[in-house]
Amino acid sequence: MLKDPVHLDATLSSFLMVGSGVFWTLTYLLILRRGYKDNIYGMPMVALCANLSWEFIFSFVYPHPQPQLSIDYLWLLFDVGILVQYLRYGRKEFPEHLPKNLFLLTFLFTLVYCACMIAAMAHEFEDYIGIYAAFAQNLMMSVLFVRMFLKRNSVAGQSIYIALSKWIGTIFPSVLFYLYFPKSYLLILLYLGIFTLDLVYFFLLYSKAKAEGINPWKRV
């Protein structure tokens, strides 16, 4: 349980929360745009399930205070759009040696499991803001984006702007919660892991786009 947060100026904390909201919203919009243009989904399935679960739980089960609550609603809306793209295009990347009827069952199981895990973490650690869950799944998401790139071996459904928006969008809350809890070594390790993996993802996309003869700065 995180205890005794350092007092922060309300303007600074709101700025960092809104900054995170703006860049993560941009991330979702760019994923939706790239998925639409490439006819593919742009967020790994497990990451999508974790995001949907976190946003639903901290919107309706343990609602966040404002302005984060409004941001949660917006993120949930955009993640539903990404969900539609996954359900539409995901079957193309589902393992060929598995029965096709497992596609939807696998997704539903993962969604329910993620929701139960996040709710259990909130209860177990008395973390009803979802800080541990947010950064843990963000680290997982960073790993999964790198894995998705390596699996596809292409920039399909991805862009350096998605990578940059995710990276910047996570720096804001990392700074915020470091200022609140500067002695939480677990959170510091999570911040550093996410920061590093998101940079790796950016450079992988940049290098692949150049190798394919694509100007990475013109691919939005």
C-alpha atoms as a PDB file:
ATOM      1  CA  MET A   1       0.000   0.000   0.000  1.00  0.00           C
ATOM      2  CA  LEU A   2       1.298   3.455  -0.939  1.00  0.00           C
ATOM      3  CA  LYS A   3       1.268   5.702   2.112  1.00  0.00           C
ATOM      4  CA  ASP A   4       1.913   9.337   2.993  1.00  0.00           C
ATOM      5  CA  PRO A   5       2.102  10.966  -0.435  1.00  0.00           C
ATOM      6  CA  VAL A   6       4.137  14.142  -0.669  1.00  0.00           C
ATOM      7  CA  HIS A   7       1.901  17.196  -0.943  1.00  0.00           C
ATOM      8  CA  LEU A   8       1.897  18.627  -4.457  1.00  0.00           C
ATOM      9  CA  ASP A   9       0.552  21.839  -5.837  1.00  0.00           C
ATOM     10  CA  ALA A  10      -2.898  21.143  -7.308  1.00  0.00           C
ATOM     11  CA  THR A  11      -2.060  22.978 -10.530  1.00  0.00           C
ATOM     12  CA  LEU A  12       1.043  20.843 -11.084  1.00  0.00           C
ATOM     13  CA  SER A  13      -0.770  17.552 -10.421  1.00  0.00           C
ATOM     14  CA  SER A  14      -3.657  18.546 -12.715  1.00  0.00           C
ATOM     15  CA  PHE A  15      -1.195  19.560 -15.450  1.00  0.00           C
ATOM     16  CA  LEU A  16       0.561  16.193 -15.284  1.00  0.00           C
ATOM     17  CA  MET A  17      -2.736  14.259 -15.266  1.00  0.00           C
ATOM     18  CA  VAL A  18      -4.114  16.218 -18.197  1.00  0.00           C
ATOM     19  CA  GLY A  19      -0.806  15.860 -20.065  1.00  0.00           C
ATOM     20  CA  SER A  20      -1.027  12.096 -19.666  1.00  0.00           C
ATOM     21  CA  GLY A  21      -4.644  12.183 -20.805  1.00  0.00           C
ATOM     22  CA  VAL A  22      -3.851  14.215 -23.909  1.00  0.00           C
ATOM     23  CA  PHE A  23      -0.958  12.051 -25.116  1.00  0.00           C
ATOM     24  CA  TRP A  24      -2.628   8.720 -24.325  1.00  0.00           C
ATOM     25  CA  THR A  25      -5.772   9.909 -26.101  1.00  0.00           C
ATOM     26  CA  LEU A  26      -3.571  10.805 -29.064  1.00  0.00           C
ATOM     27  CA  THR A  27      -2.042   7.316 -28.865  1.00  0.00           C
ATOM     28  CA  TYR A  28      -5.480   5.721 -29.106  1.00  0.00           C
ATOM     29  CA  LEU A  29      -6.525   7.972 -31.988  1.00  0.00           C
ATOM     30  CA  LEU A  30      -3.338   7.188 -33.911  1.00  0.00           C
ATOM     31  CA  ILE A  31      -3.804   3.441 -33.314  1.00  0.00           C
ATOM     32  CA  LEU A  32      -7.372   3.699 -34.631  1.00  0.00           C
ATOM     33  CA  ARG A  33      -6.225   5.689 -37.665  1.00  0.00           C
ATOM     34  CA  ARG A  34      -3.376   3.328 -38.521  1.00  0.00           C
ATOM     35  CA  GLY A  35      -5.582   0.265 -38.015  1.00  0.00           C
ATOM     36  CA  TYR A  36      -8.204   1.718 -40.345  1.00  0.00           C
ATOM     37  CA  LYS A  37      -5.648   2.555 -43.042  1.00  0.00           C
ATOM     38  CA  ASP A  38      -3.818  -0.794 -42.828  1.00  0.00           C
ATOM     39  CA  ASN A  39      -6.858  -3.032 -42.167  1.00  0.00           C
ATOM     40  CA  ILE A  40      -5.231  -4.462 -39.070  1.00  0.00           C
ATOM     41  CA  TYR A  41      -5.461  -4.045 -35.311  1.00  0.00           C
ATOM     42  CA  GLY A  42      -2.841  -1.865 -33.646  1.00  0.00           C
ATOM     43  CA  MET A  43      -2.860  -2.903 -29.985  1.00  0.00           C
ATOM     44  CA  PRO A  44      -1.869  -6.366 -28.723  1.00  0.00           C
ATOM     45  CA  MET A  45      -4.876  -8.309 -27.454  1.00  0.00           C
ATOM     46  CA  VAL A  46      -3.709  -8.793 -23.855  1.00  0.00           C
ATOM     47  CA  ALA A  47      -2.810  -5.093 -23.589  1.00  0.00           C
ATOM     48  CA  LEU A  48      -6.253  -4.186 -24.942  1.00  0.00           C
ATOM     49  CA  CYS A  49      -7.973  -6.422 -22.368  1.00  0.00           C
ATOM     50  CA  ALA A  50      -5.924  -4.910 -19.550  1.00  0.00           C
ATOM     51  CA  ASN A  51      -6.694  -1.371 -20.698  1.00  0.00           C
ATOM     52  CA  LEU A  52     -10.424  -2.013 -21.052  1.00  0.00           C
ATOM     53  CA  SER A  53     -10.515  -3.619 -17.609  1.00  0.00           C
ATOM     54  CA  TRP A  54      -8.539  -0.860 -15.883  1.00  0.00           C
ATOM     55  CA  GLU A  55     -10.598   1.908 -17.445  1.00  0.00           C
ATOM     56  CA  PHE A  56     -13.911   0.244 -16.626  1.00  0.00           C
ATOM     57  CA  ILE A  57     -12.957  -0.551 -13.021  1.00  0.00           C
ATOM     58  CA  PHE A  58     -11.645   2.935 -12.256  1.00  0.00           C
ATOM     59  CA  SER A  59     -14.537   4.592 -14.042  1.00  0.00           C
ATOM     60  CA  PHE A  60     -17.404   2.669 -12.438  1.00  0.00           C
ATOM     61  CA  VAL A  61     -16.223   0.348  -9.630  1.00  0.00           C
ATOM     62  CA  TYR A  62     -13.658   2.580  -7.902  1.00  0.00           C
ATOM     63  CA  PRO A  63     -14.230   5.905  -9.699  1.00  0.00           C
ATOM     64  CA  HIS A  64     -11.277   8.262  -9.910  1.00  0.00           C
ATOM     65  CA  PRO A  65     -11.570  11.905  -8.863  1.00  0.00           C
ATOM     66  CA  GLN A  66     -11.690  14.553 -11.565  1.00  0.00           C
ATOM     67  CA  PRO A  67     -10.051  15.343 -13.938  1.00  0.00           C
ATOM     68  CA  GLN A  68      -8.863  11.722 -14.218  1.00  0.00           C
ATOM     69  CA  LEU A  69     -12.409  10.325 -14.265  1.00  0.00           C
ATOM     70  CA  SER A  70     -13.316  12.234 -17.424  1.00  0.00           C
ATOM     71  CA  ILE A  71     -10.069  11.042 -19.004  1.00  0.00           C
ATOM     72  CA  ASP A  72     -10.961   7.442 -18.060  1.00  0.00           C
ATOM     73  CA  TYR A  73     -14.324   7.756 -19.820  1.00  0.00           C
ATOM     74  CA  LEU A  74     -12.622   9.063 -22.952  1.00  0.00           C
ATOM     75  CA  TRP A  75      -9.979   6.317 -22.933  1.00  0.00           C
ATOM     76  CA  LEU A  76     -12.646   3.658 -22.487  1.00  0.00           C
ATOM     77  CA  LEU A  77     -14.536   4.994 -25.487  1.00  0.00           C
ATOM     78  CA  PHE A  78     -11.473   4.865 -27.726  1.00  0.00           C
ATOM     79  CA  ASP A  79     -10.465   1.433 -26.460  1.00  0.00           C
ATOM     80  CA  VAL A  80     -13.893   0.161 -27.480  1.00  0.00           C
ATOM     81  CA  GLY A  81     -13.065   1.405 -30.985  1.00  0.00           C
ATOM     82  CA  ILE A  82      -9.749  -0.484 -30.898  1.00  0.00           C
ATOM     83  CA  LEU A  83     -11.672  -3.538 -29.661  1.00  0.00           C
ATOM     84  CA  VAL A  84     -13.894  -3.375 -32.757  1.00  0.00           C
ATOM     85  CA  GLN A  85     -10.786  -3.358 -34.945  1.00  0.00           C
ATOM     86  CA  TYR A  86      -9.304  -6.315 -33.071  1.00  0.00           C
ATOM     87  CA  LEU A  87     -12.492  -8.361 -33.451  1.00  0.00           C
ATOM     88  CA  ARG A  88     -12.656  -7.458 -37.135  1.00  0.00           C
ATOM     89  CA  TYR A  89      -9.022  -8.075 -38.101  1.00  0.00           C
ATOM     90  CA  GLY A  90      -7.583 -10.236 -35.320  1.00  0.00           C
ATOM     91  CA  ARG A  91      -8.558 -13.574 -36.803  1.00  0.00           C
ATOM     92  CA  LYS A  92      -5.953 -13.093 -39.546  1.00  0.00           C
ATOM     93  CA  GLU A  93      -3.172 -13.314 -36.950  1.00  0.00           C
ATOM     94  CA  PHE A  94      -4.731 -15.975 -34.744  1.00  0.00           C
ATOM     95  CA  PRO A  95      -2.566 -19.152 -34.734  1.00  0.00           C
ATOM     96  CA  GLU A  96      -3.525 -21.291 -37.727  1.00  0.00           C
ATOM     97  CA  HIS A  97      -3.093 -24.569 -35.839  1.00  0.00           C
ATOM     98  CA  LEU A  98      -5.823 -23.635 -33.324  1.00  0.00           C
ATOM     99  CA  PRO A  99      -9.574 -23.942 -33.961  1.00  0.00           C
ATOM    100  CA  LYS A 100     -10.985 -20.621 -35.187  1.00  0.00           C
ATOM    101  CA  ASN A 101     -13.804 -20.746 -32.646  1.00  0.00           C
ATOM    102  CA  LEU A 102     -11.186 -20.235 -29.921  1.00  0.00           C
ATOM    103  CA  PHE A 103     -10.503 -16.703 -31.163  1.00  0.00           C
ATOM    104  CA  LEU A 104     -13.454 -15.119 -29.383  1.00  0.00           C
ATOM    105  CA  LEU A 105     -13.251 -17.441 -26.360  1.00  0.00           C
ATOM    106  CA  THR A 106      -9.579 -16.566 -25.876  1.00  0.00           C
ATOM    107  CA  PHE A 107     -10.373 -12.879 -25.969  1.00  0.00           C
ATOM    108  CA  LEU A 108     -13.277 -13.173 -23.511  1.00  0.00           C
ATOM    109  CA  PHE A 109     -11.259 -15.279 -21.077  1.00  0.00           C
ATOM    110  CA  THR A 110      -8.374 -12.794 -21.200  1.00  0.00           C
ATOM    111  CA  LEU A 111     -10.706  -9.841 -20.658  1.00  0.00           C
ATOM    112  CA  VAL A 112     -12.400 -11.419 -17.628  1.00  0.00           C
ATOM    113  CA  TYR A 113      -9.084 -12.574 -16.175  1.00  0.00           C
ATOM    114  CA  CYS A 114      -7.530  -9.118 -16.553  1.00  0.00           C
ATOM    115  CA  ALA A 115     -10.547  -7.498 -14.887  1.00  0.00           C
ATOM    116  CA  CYS A 116     -10.383  -9.922 -11.955  1.00  0.00           C
ATOM    117  CA  MET A 117      -6.619  -9.435 -11.616  1.00  0.00           C
ATOM    118  CA  ILE A 118      -6.841  -5.630 -11.573  1.00  0.00           C
ATOM    119  CA  ALA A 119      -9.747  -5.644  -9.104  1.00  0.00           C
ATOM    120  CA  ALA A 120      -7.858  -8.104  -6.892  1.00  0.00           C
ATOM    121  CA  MET A 121      -4.729  -5.936  -6.969  1.00  0.00           C
ATOM    122  CA  ALA A 122      -6.763  -2.897  -5.937  1.00  0.00           C
ATOM    123  CA  HIS A 123      -8.257  -4.837  -3.019  1.00  0.00           C
ATOM    124  CA  GLU A 124      -5.088  -6.698  -1.979  1.00  0.00           C
ATOM    125  CA  PHE A 125      -2.847  -3.619  -1.970  1.00  0.00           C
ATOM    126  CA  GLU A 126      -5.597  -1.172  -0.981  1.00  0.00           C
ATOM    127  CA  ASP A 127      -4.728   0.723  -4.136  1.00  0.00           C
ATOM    128  CA  TYR A 128      -8.101   2.073  -5.197  1.00  0.00           C
ATOM    129  CA  ILE A 129      -6.523   4.556  -7.576  1.00  0.00           C
ATOM    130  CA  GLY A 130      -4.955   1.714  -9.562  1.00  0.00           C
ATOM    131  CA  ILE A 131      -1.374   2.981  -9.534  1.00  0.00           C
ATOM    132  CA  TYR A 132       0.338  -0.417  -9.259  1.00  0.00           C
ATOM    133  CA  ALA A 133      -1.980  -1.966 -11.837  1.00  0.00           C
ATOM    134  CA  ALA A 134      -1.565   0.962 -14.238  1.00  0.00           C
ATOM    135  CA  PHE A 135       2.229   0.888 -14.322  1.00  0.00           C
ATOM    136  CA  ALA A 136       2.489  -2.907 -14.210  1.00  0.00           C
ATOM    137  CA  GLN A 137       0.208  -3.284 -17.214  1.00  0.00           C
ATOM    138  CA  ASN A 138       1.933  -0.381 -18.937  1.00  0.00           C
ATOM    139  CA  LEU A 139       5.213  -2.274 -18.636  1.00  0.00           C
ATOM    140  CA  MET A 140       3.499  -5.391 -19.974  1.00  0.00           C
ATOM    141  CA  MET A 141       2.088  -3.316 -22.821  1.00  0.00           C
ATOM    142  CA  SER A 142       5.542  -1.998 -23.714  1.00  0.00           C
ATOM    143  CA  VAL A 143       6.824  -5.579 -23.933  1.00  0.00           C
ATOM    144  CA  LEU A 144       3.824  -6.624 -26.027  1.00  0.00           C
ATOM    145  CA  PHE A 145       4.205  -3.772 -28.517  1.00  0.00           C
ATOM    146  CA  VAL A 146       7.819  -4.807 -29.095  1.00  0.00           C
ATOM    147  CA  ARG A 147       6.688  -8.429 -29.458  1.00  0.00           C
ATOM    148  CA  MET A 148       3.938  -7.438 -31.928  1.00  0.00           C
ATOM    149  CA  PHE A 149       6.486  -5.608 -34.051  1.00  0.00           C
ATOM    150  CA  LEU A 150       8.906  -8.549 -34.012  1.00  0.00           C
ATOM    151  CA  LYS A 151       6.123 -11.017 -34.828  1.00  0.00           C
ATOM    152  CA  ARG A 152       4.860  -8.990 -37.795  1.00  0.00           C
ATOM    153  CA  ASN A 153       8.337  -7.890 -38.858  1.00  0.00           C
ATOM    154  CA  SER A 154       6.739  -4.840 -40.411  1.00  0.00           C
ATOM    155  CA  VAL A 155       5.291  -1.464 -39.468  1.00  0.00           C
ATOM    156  CA  ALA A 156       1.727  -2.570 -40.269  1.00  0.00           C
ATOM    157  CA  GLY A 157      -0.726  -0.978 -37.844  1.00  0.00           C
ATOM    158  CA  GLN A 158       2.075   0.953 -36.194  1.00  0.00           C
ATOM    159  CA  SER A 159       3.899   4.276 -36.480  1.00  0.00           C
ATOM    160  CA  ILE A 160       6.611   6.192 -34.692  1.00  0.00           C
ATOM    161  CA  TYR A 161       3.953   8.709 -33.608  1.00  0.00           C
ATOM    162  CA  ILE A 162       2.102   5.972 -31.727  1.00  0.00           C
ATOM    163  CA  ALA A 163       5.364   5.028 -30.032  1.00  0.00           C
ATOM    164  CA  LEU A 164       6.204   8.649 -29.179  1.00  0.00           C
ATOM    165  CA  SER A 165       2.714   9.419 -27.860  1.00  0.00           C
ATOM    166  CA  LYS A 166       2.739   6.348 -25.626  1.00  0.00           C
ATOM    167  CA  TRP A 167       6.231   7.232 -24.390  1.00  0.00           C
ATOM    168  CA  ILE A 168       5.392  10.865 -23.599  1.00  0.00           C
ATOM    169  CA  GLY A 169       1.959   9.937 -22.236  1.00  0.00           C
ATOM    170  CA  THR A 170       3.617   7.665 -19.690  1.00  0.00           C
ATOM    171  CA  ILE A 171       6.340  10.149 -18.723  1.00  0.00           C
ATOM    172  CA  PHE A 172       3.691  12.535 -17.347  1.00  0.00           C
ATOM    173  CA  PRO A 173       2.195  10.118 -14.774  1.00  0.00           C
ATOM    174  CA  SER A 174       5.654   8.687 -14.021  1.00  0.00           C
ATOM    175  CA  VAL A 175       6.804  12.153 -12.973  1.00  0.00           C
ATOM    176  CA  LEU A 176       3.551  12.747 -11.092  1.00  0.00           C
ATOM    177  CA  PHE A 177       3.716   9.598  -9.000  1.00  0.00           C
ATOM    178  CA  TYR A 178       7.457   9.893  -8.468  1.00  0.00           C
ATOM    179  CA  LEU A 179       6.780  13.299  -6.925  1.00  0.00           C
ATOM    180  CA  TYR A 180       3.989  11.815  -4.809  1.00  0.00           C
ATOM    181  CA  PHE A 181       5.923   8.683  -3.761  1.00  0.00           C
ATOM    182  CA  PRO A 182       9.683   9.272  -4.280  1.00  0.00           C
ATOM    183  CA  LYS A 183      10.640   6.298  -2.077  1.00  0.00           C
ATOM    184  CA  SER A 184       8.599   3.657  -3.914  1.00  0.00           C
ATOM    185  CA  TYR A 185      11.402   1.627  -5.487  1.00  0.00           C
ATOM    186  CA  LEU A 186       8.957  -0.729  -7.187  1.00  0.00           C
ATOM    187  CA  LEU A 187       7.311   2.151  -9.018  1.00  0.00           C
ATOM    188  CA  ILE A 188      10.716   3.591  -9.957  1.00  0.00           C
ATOM    189  CA  LEU A 189      11.681   0.259 -11.538  1.00  0.00           C
ATOM    190  CA  LEU A 190       8.392   0.257 -13.457  1.00  0.00           C
ATOM    191  CA  TYR A 191       8.949   3.818 -14.701  1.00  0.00           C
ATOM    192  CA  LEU A 192      12.455   2.979 -15.905  1.00  0.00           C
ATOM    193  CA  GLY A 193      11.374  -0.268 -17.571  1.00  0.00           C
ATOM    194  CA  ILE A 194       8.551   1.407 -19.484  1.00  0.00           C
ATOM    195  CA  PHE A 195      10.733   4.362 -20.480  1.00  0.00           C
ATOM    196  CA  THR A 196      13.435   2.061 -21.868  1.00  0.00           C
ATOM    197  CA  LEU A 197      11.138  -0.341 -23.718  1.00  0.00           C
ATOM    198  CA  ASP A 198       9.136   2.480 -25.304  1.00  0.00           C
ATOM    199  CA  LEU A 199      12.355   3.971 -26.668  1.00  0.00           C
ATOM    200  CA  VAL A 200      13.377   0.546 -27.992  1.00  0.00           C
ATOM    201  CA  TYR A 201       9.981   0.249 -29.699  1.00  0.00           C
ATOM    202  CA  PHE A 202      10.397   3.694 -31.285  1.00  0.00           C
ATOM    203  CA  PHE A 203      13.840   2.889 -32.696  1.00  0.00           C
ATOM    204  CA  LEU A 204      12.687  -0.511 -33.972  1.00  0.00           C
ATOM    205  CA  LEU A 205       9.827   1.145 -35.881  1.00  0.00           C
ATOM    206  CA  TYR A 206      12.057   3.934 -37.142  1.00  0.00           C
ATOM    207  CA  SER A 207      14.703   1.507 -38.417  1.00  0.00           C
ATOM    208  CA  LYS A 208      12.158  -0.811 -40.050  1.00  0.00           C
ATOM    209  CA  ALA A 209      10.381   2.041 -41.822  1.00  0.00           C
ATOM    210  CA  LYS A 210      13.697   3.279 -43.230  1.00  0.00           C
ATOM    211  CA  ALA A 211      14.587  -0.264 -44.314  1.00  0.00           C
ATOM    212  CA  GLU A 212      11.246  -0.512 -46.159  1.00  0.00           C
ATOM    213  CA  GLY A 213      11.872   2.788 -47.935  1.00  0.00           C
ATOM    214  CA  ILE A 214       9.221   4.625 -45.878  1.00  0.00           C
ATOM    215  CA  ASN A 215       9.804   8.072 -44.426  1.00  0.00           C
ATOM    216  CA  PRO A 216       8.855   7.349 -40.790  1.00  0.00           C
ATOM    217  CA  TRP A 217       8.026  11.034 -40.122  1.00  0.00           C
ATOM    218  CA  LYS A 218       5.449  11.100 -42.939  1.00  0.00           C
ATOM    219  CA  ARG A 219       3.683   7.897 -41.841  1.00  0.00           C
ATOM    220  CA  VAL A 220       1.010   9.051 -39.396  1.00  0.00           C
END
